[in-house]
Amino acid sequence: LGRGFYAAFRLFAGLCVVGSAIFAAIAFITTSPFRAPLTFGYAVQACIYASDPGCTSTYASIFGSSTAQHGTLQEAFAVFPLAAASTCLFNIFKAGLYACFDFEFMAKSGVIALCLYVPAAYAAIHIFHTPAALYMSMYMPVLGLSLVFMVRLLRNSFSMVRGEDGPWLEACKQEAPSKAG
């Protein structure tokens, strides 16, 4: 970008969008069939409590029992494939906006995501009462930011090619005097 290769960056940004969609789909597809094993893989240390009579009710409330399966950790991991896909998208589009020096936009978006997360977490805890709802509330802002960042990255790349101003130009202007001096 510092050398003005905006058309190449637009192509790269487009390829990133397509590649990340494929990457997110792969993350979703490869984690979906293994939700239960992933759940128990993360919770191996909890098995110690299953043998302690004083802890069996807590263990059953987390992992379920023969009589109760609602609100279990396994149910929460139904959201895991979406969380994995969202994280993939978020990290790729965030890196693209880093390259555009669009830090102000990312900061404002982050504040808005936080403002949306708080009511979502409140609803998950006080209305839905399930770990799955809380897990979903944690990753909905990530998914939302991913989509917003994707749109902004594509918009930035097209603006570059059209010769419009943007944060990428401000970074180049600030860097130019230091190279001359």
C-alpha atoms as a PDB file:
ATOM      1  CA  LEU A   1       0.000   0.000   0.000  1.00  0.00           C
ATOM      2  CA  GLY A   2       2.877   2.383   0.724  1.00  0.00           C
ATOM      3  CA  ARG A   3       3.921   2.083  -2.920  1.00  0.00           C
ATOM      4  CA  GLY A   4       0.407   2.634  -4.219  1.00  0.00           C
ATOM      5  CA  PHE A   5      -0.320  -0.875  -5.493  1.00  0.00           C
ATOM      6  CA  TYR A   6      -4.006  -0.404  -4.778  1.00  0.00           C
ATOM      7  CA  ALA A   7      -5.337  -2.592  -7.592  1.00  0.00           C
ATOM      8  CA  ALA A   8      -3.196  -5.469  -6.333  1.00  0.00           C
ATOM      9  CA  PHE A   9      -4.470  -4.871  -2.814  1.00  0.00           C
ATOM     10  CA  ARG A  10      -8.079  -4.873  -4.062  1.00  0.00           C
ATOM     11  CA  LEU A  11      -7.448  -8.247  -5.704  1.00  0.00           C
ATOM     12  CA  PHE A  12      -5.760  -9.488  -2.534  1.00  0.00           C
ATOM     13  CA  ALA A  13      -8.666  -8.268  -0.370  1.00  0.00           C
ATOM     14  CA  GLY A  14     -11.142 -10.042  -2.644  1.00  0.00           C
ATOM     15  CA  LEU A  15      -9.116 -13.242  -2.452  1.00  0.00           C
ATOM     16  CA  CYS A  16      -8.999 -12.876   1.339  1.00  0.00           C
ATOM     17  CA  VAL A  17     -12.787 -12.667   1.481  1.00  0.00           C
ATOM     18  CA  VAL A  18     -13.183 -15.791  -0.653  1.00  0.00           C
ATOM     19  CA  GLY A  19     -10.361 -17.615   1.140  1.00  0.00           C
ATOM     20  CA  SER A  20     -11.708 -16.750   4.575  1.00  0.00           C
ATOM     21  CA  ALA A  21     -15.178 -17.925   3.652  1.00  0.00           C
ATOM     22  CA  ILE A  22     -13.650 -21.251   2.606  1.00  0.00           C
ATOM     23  CA  PHE A  23     -11.496 -21.336   5.751  1.00  0.00           C
ATOM     24  CA  ALA A  24     -14.507 -20.590   7.978  1.00  0.00           C
ATOM     25  CA  ALA A  25     -16.558 -23.266   6.202  1.00  0.00           C
ATOM     26  CA  ILE A  26     -13.749 -25.775   6.746  1.00  0.00           C
ATOM     27  CA  ALA A  27     -13.551 -24.817  10.439  1.00  0.00           C
ATOM     28  CA  PHE A  28     -17.311 -25.262  10.752  1.00  0.00           C
ATOM     29  CA  ILE A  29     -17.426 -28.551   8.850  1.00  0.00           C
ATOM     30  CA  THR A  30     -14.436 -30.098  10.617  1.00  0.00           C
ATOM     31  CA  THR A  31     -15.542 -29.193  14.144  1.00  0.00           C
ATOM     32  CA  SER A  32     -19.260 -29.983  13.801  1.00  0.00           C
ATOM     33  CA  PRO A  33     -18.991 -33.791  13.893  1.00  0.00           C
ATOM     34  CA  PHE A  34     -16.617 -33.681  16.868  1.00  0.00           C
ATOM     35  CA  ARG A  35     -18.536 -31.431  19.248  1.00  0.00           C
ATOM     36  CA  ALA A  36     -18.967 -34.079  21.953  1.00  0.00           C
ATOM     37  CA  PRO A  37     -15.343 -35.297  21.877  1.00  0.00           C
ATOM     38  CA  LEU A  38     -14.141 -31.686  21.942  1.00  0.00           C
ATOM     39  CA  THR A  39     -16.340 -31.016  24.951  1.00  0.00           C
ATOM     40  CA  PHE A  40     -14.937 -33.895  26.910  1.00  0.00           C
ATOM     41  CA  GLY A  41     -11.410 -33.204  25.700  1.00  0.00           C
ATOM     42  CA  TYR A  42     -11.561 -29.747  27.256  1.00  0.00           C
ATOM     43  CA  ALA A  43     -13.077 -31.140  30.436  1.00  0.00           C
ATOM     44  CA  VAL A  44     -10.853 -34.145  31.229  1.00  0.00           C
ATOM     45  CA  GLN A  45      -9.816 -32.687  34.574  1.00  0.00           C
ATOM     46  CA  ALA A  46     -13.475 -32.615  35.669  1.00  0.00           C
ATOM     47  CA  CYS A  47     -13.602 -36.417  35.764  1.00  0.00           C
ATOM     48  CA  ILE A  48     -11.932 -36.311  39.184  1.00  0.00           C
ATOM     49  CA  TYR A  49     -15.085 -34.713  40.577  1.00  0.00           C
ATOM     50  CA  ALA A  50     -17.368 -37.426  39.208  1.00  0.00           C
ATOM     51  CA  SER A  51     -15.966 -39.879  41.741  1.00  0.00           C
ATOM     52  CA  ASP A  52     -16.453 -37.522  44.704  1.00  0.00           C
ATOM     53  CA  PRO A  53     -19.979 -37.960  46.148  1.00  0.00           C
ATOM     54  CA  GLY A  54     -20.066 -34.320  47.242  1.00  0.00           C
ATOM     55  CA  CYS A  55     -19.419 -33.136  43.687  1.00  0.00           C
ATOM     56  CA  THR A  56     -21.729 -35.405  41.731  1.00  0.00           C
ATOM     57  CA  SER A  57     -24.602 -32.911  41.579  1.00  0.00           C
ATOM     58  CA  THR A  58     -22.276 -30.202  40.205  1.00  0.00           C
ATOM     59  CA  TYR A  59     -20.767 -32.680  37.732  1.00  0.00           C
ATOM     60  CA  ALA A  60     -24.247 -33.756  36.591  1.00  0.00           C
ATOM     61  CA  SER A  61     -25.332 -30.131  36.142  1.00  0.00           C
ATOM     62  CA  ILE A  62     -22.360 -29.480  33.847  1.00  0.00           C
ATOM     63  CA  PHE A  63     -22.182 -32.745  31.902  1.00  0.00           C
ATOM     64  CA  GLY A  64     -25.728 -34.036  32.296  1.00  0.00           C
ATOM     65  CA  SER A  65     -26.987 -37.247  33.731  1.00  0.00           C
ATOM     66  CA  SER A  66     -29.388 -40.003  32.768  1.00  0.00           C
ATOM     67  CA  THR A  67     -32.276 -37.735  33.823  1.00  0.00           C
ATOM     68  CA  ALA A  68     -31.102 -34.248  32.710  1.00  0.00           C
ATOM     69  CA  GLN A  69     -29.403 -33.209  29.482  1.00  0.00           C
ATOM     70  CA  HIS A  70     -30.601 -29.582  29.191  1.00  0.00           C
ATOM     71  CA  GLY A  71     -28.073 -26.827  29.856  1.00  0.00           C
ATOM     72  CA  THR A  72     -25.043 -29.086  29.669  1.00  0.00           C
ATOM     73  CA  LEU A  73     -21.566 -28.357  28.410  1.00  0.00           C
ATOM     74  CA  GLN A  74     -22.229 -30.615  25.412  1.00  0.00           C
ATOM     75  CA  GLU A  75     -25.236 -28.480  24.504  1.00  0.00           C
ATOM     76  CA  ALA A  76     -23.063 -25.354  24.717  1.00  0.00           C
ATOM     77  CA  PHE A  77     -20.547 -26.901  22.343  1.00  0.00           C
ATOM     78  CA  ALA A  78     -23.214 -26.977  19.644  1.00  0.00           C
ATOM     79  CA  VAL A  79     -22.189 -23.326  19.209  1.00  0.00           C
ATOM     80  CA  PHE A  80     -18.482 -24.213  18.920  1.00  0.00           C
ATOM     81  CA  PRO A  81     -18.399 -24.600  15.100  1.00  0.00           C
ATOM     82  CA  LEU A  82     -19.920 -21.130  14.684  1.00  0.00           C
ATOM     83  CA  ALA A  83     -17.438 -19.729  17.199  1.00  0.00           C
ATOM     84  CA  ALA A  84     -14.510 -21.321  15.347  1.00  0.00           C
ATOM     85  CA  ALA A  85     -15.706 -20.005  11.983  1.00  0.00           C
ATOM     86  CA  SER A  86     -16.319 -16.514  13.415  1.00  0.00           C
ATOM     87  CA  THR A  87     -12.834 -16.388  14.896  1.00  0.00           C
ATOM     88  CA  CYS A  88     -11.272 -17.361  11.566  1.00  0.00           C
ATOM     89  CA  LEU A  89     -13.145 -14.621   9.725  1.00  0.00           C
ATOM     90  CA  PHE A  90     -12.456 -12.012  12.386  1.00  0.00           C
ATOM     91  CA  ASN A  91      -8.698 -12.553  12.450  1.00  0.00           C
ATOM     92  CA  ILE A  92      -8.312 -12.410   8.676  1.00  0.00           C
ATOM     93  CA  PHE A  93     -10.417  -9.281   8.166  1.00  0.00           C
ATOM     94  CA  LYS A  94      -8.828  -7.581  11.165  1.00  0.00           C
ATOM     95  CA  ALA A  95      -5.400  -8.145   9.596  1.00  0.00           C
ATOM     96  CA  GLY A  96      -6.669  -6.608   6.352  1.00  0.00           C
ATOM     97  CA  LEU A  97      -7.813  -3.498   8.194  1.00  0.00           C
ATOM     98  CA  TYR A  98      -4.446  -3.333   9.958  1.00  0.00           C
ATOM     99  CA  ALA A  99      -2.841  -3.102   6.520  1.00  0.00           C
ATOM    100  CA  CYS A 100      -5.189  -0.204   5.708  1.00  0.00           C
ATOM    101  CA  PHE A 101      -4.252   1.583   8.952  1.00  0.00           C
ATOM    102  CA  ASP A 102      -7.968   1.722   9.722  1.00  0.00           C
ATOM    103  CA  PHE A 103      -7.459   1.631  13.488  1.00  0.00           C
ATOM    104  CA  GLU A 104      -9.990   4.353  14.288  1.00  0.00           C
ATOM    105  CA  PHE A 105     -12.763   2.401  12.559  1.00  0.00           C
ATOM    106  CA  MET A 106     -11.767  -0.800  14.358  1.00  0.00           C
ATOM    107  CA  ALA A 107     -11.795   0.989  17.733  1.00  0.00           C
ATOM    108  CA  LYS A 108     -15.247   2.470  17.130  1.00  0.00           C
ATOM    109  CA  SER A 109     -16.548  -0.899  15.943  1.00  0.00           C
ATOM    110  CA  GLY A 110     -15.144  -2.570  19.048  1.00  0.00           C
ATOM    111  CA  VAL A 111     -16.952  -0.135  21.338  1.00  0.00           C
ATOM    112  CA  ILE A 112     -20.224  -0.750  19.494  1.00  0.00           C
ATOM    113  CA  ALA A 113     -19.673  -4.531  19.737  1.00  0.00           C
ATOM    114  CA  LEU A 114     -19.134  -4.199  23.480  1.00  0.00           C
ATOM    115  CA  CYS A 115     -22.359  -2.209  23.784  1.00  0.00           C
ATOM    116  CA  LEU A 116     -24.172  -5.021  21.963  1.00  0.00           C
ATOM    117  CA  TYR A 117     -22.483  -7.789  23.958  1.00  0.00           C
ATOM    118  CA  VAL A 118     -23.624  -6.575  27.365  1.00  0.00           C
ATOM    119  CA  PRO A 119     -27.384  -6.895  26.654  1.00  0.00           C
ATOM    120  CA  ALA A 120     -26.801 -10.192  24.850  1.00  0.00           C
ATOM    121  CA  ALA A 121     -24.931 -11.616  27.849  1.00  0.00           C
ATOM    122  CA  TYR A 122     -27.625 -10.293  30.185  1.00  0.00           C
ATOM    123  CA  ALA A 123     -30.312 -12.016  28.105  1.00  0.00           C
ATOM    124  CA  ALA A 124     -28.303 -15.246  28.013  1.00  0.00           C
ATOM    125  CA  ILE A 125     -27.946 -15.281  31.785  1.00  0.00           C
ATOM    126  CA  HIS A 126     -31.323 -13.949  32.897  1.00  0.00           C
ATOM    127  CA  ILE A 127     -33.708 -15.032  30.133  1.00  0.00           C
ATOM    128  CA  PHE A 128     -32.335 -18.149  28.443  1.00  0.00           C
ATOM    129  CA  HIS A 129     -30.453 -19.601  31.437  1.00  0.00           C
ATOM    130  CA  THR A 130     -28.250 -21.916  29.362  1.00  0.00           C
ATOM    131  CA  PRO A 131     -24.508 -22.175  28.835  1.00  0.00           C
ATOM    132  CA  ALA A 132     -25.168 -22.378  25.073  1.00  0.00           C
ATOM    133  CA  ALA A 133     -26.867 -18.969  25.137  1.00  0.00           C
ATOM    134  CA  LEU A 134     -23.964 -17.456  27.060  1.00  0.00           C
ATOM    135  CA  TYR A 135     -21.436 -19.026  24.693  1.00  0.00           C
ATOM    136  CA  MET A 136     -23.426 -17.680  21.737  1.00  0.00           C
ATOM    137  CA  SER A 137     -23.547 -14.209  23.293  1.00  0.00           C
ATOM    138  CA  MET A 138     -19.751 -14.279  23.576  1.00  0.00           C
ATOM    139  CA  TYR A 139     -19.237 -14.991  19.873  1.00  0.00           C
ATOM    140  CA  MET A 140     -22.036 -12.968  18.277  1.00  0.00           C
ATOM    141  CA  PRO A 141     -19.973  -9.753  18.562  1.00  0.00           C
ATOM    142  CA  VAL A 142     -17.053 -11.561  16.918  1.00  0.00           C
ATOM    143  CA  LEU A 143     -19.264 -12.678  14.048  1.00  0.00           C
ATOM    144  CA  GLY A 144     -20.772  -9.202  13.757  1.00  0.00           C
ATOM    145  CA  LEU A 145     -17.350  -7.547  13.742  1.00  0.00           C
ATOM    146  CA  SER A 146     -16.187 -10.062  11.138  1.00  0.00           C
ATOM    147  CA  LEU A 147     -18.941  -9.050   8.763  1.00  0.00           C
ATOM    148  CA  VAL A 148     -18.453  -5.328   9.424  1.00  0.00           C
ATOM    149  CA  PHE A 149     -14.676  -5.653   8.961  1.00  0.00           C
ATOM    150  CA  MET A 150     -15.182  -7.580   5.696  1.00  0.00           C
ATOM    151  CA  VAL A 151     -17.419  -4.854   4.288  1.00  0.00           C
ATOM    152  CA  ARG A 152     -14.999  -2.142   5.429  1.00  0.00           C
ATOM    153  CA  LEU A 153     -12.005  -3.979   3.923  1.00  0.00           C
ATOM    154  CA  LEU A 154     -13.750  -4.300   0.563  1.00  0.00           C
ATOM    155  CA  ARG A 155     -14.895  -0.671   0.720  1.00  0.00           C
ATOM    156  CA  ASN A 156     -11.350   0.470   1.524  1.00  0.00           C
ATOM    157  CA  SER A 157      -9.888  -1.551  -1.336  1.00  0.00           C
ATOM    158  CA  PHE A 158     -12.335  -0.068  -3.859  1.00  0.00           C
ATOM    159  CA  SER A 159     -11.785   3.437  -2.463  1.00  0.00           C
ATOM    160  CA  MET A 160      -8.040   3.010  -2.964  1.00  0.00           C
ATOM    161  CA  VAL A 161      -8.461   2.113  -6.621  1.00  0.00           C
ATOM    162  CA  ARG A 162     -10.778   5.096  -7.168  1.00  0.00           C
ATOM    163  CA  GLY A 163      -8.103   7.382  -5.669  1.00  0.00           C
ATOM    164  CA  GLU A 164     -10.167   8.404  -2.665  1.00  0.00           C
ATOM    165  CA  ASP A 165      -8.620   9.467   0.636  1.00  0.00           C
ATOM    166  CA  GLY A 166      -8.471   7.100   3.556  1.00  0.00           C
ATOM    167  CA  PRO A 167      -6.392   6.107   6.566  1.00  0.00           C
ATOM    168  CA  TRP A 168      -3.888   4.319   4.299  1.00  0.00           C
ATOM    169  CA  LEU A 169      -2.913   7.703   2.800  1.00  0.00           C
ATOM    170  CA  GLU A 170      -2.537   9.383   6.180  1.00  0.00           C
ATOM    171  CA  ALA A 171      -0.075   6.687   7.235  1.00  0.00           C
ATOM    172  CA  CYS A 172       1.957   7.221   4.047  1.00  0.00           C
ATOM    173  CA  LYS A 173       2.003  11.003   4.569  1.00  0.00           C
ATOM    174  CA  GLN A 174       3.248  10.618   8.129  1.00  0.00           C
ATOM    175  CA  GLU A 175       5.908   8.156   7.054  1.00  0.00           C
ATOM    176  CA  ALA A 176       7.232  10.236   4.135  1.00  0.00           C
ATOM    177  CA  PRO A 177       9.087  12.951   6.167  1.00  0.00           C
ATOM    178  CA  SER A 178      10.882  10.340   8.280  1.00  0.00           C
ATOM    179  CA  LYS A 179      12.305   8.687   5.130  1.00  0.00           C
ATOM    180  CA  ALA A 180      13.575  12.006   3.780  1.00  0.00           C
ATOM    181  CA  GLY A 181      15.141  13.028   7.104  1.00  0.00           C
END
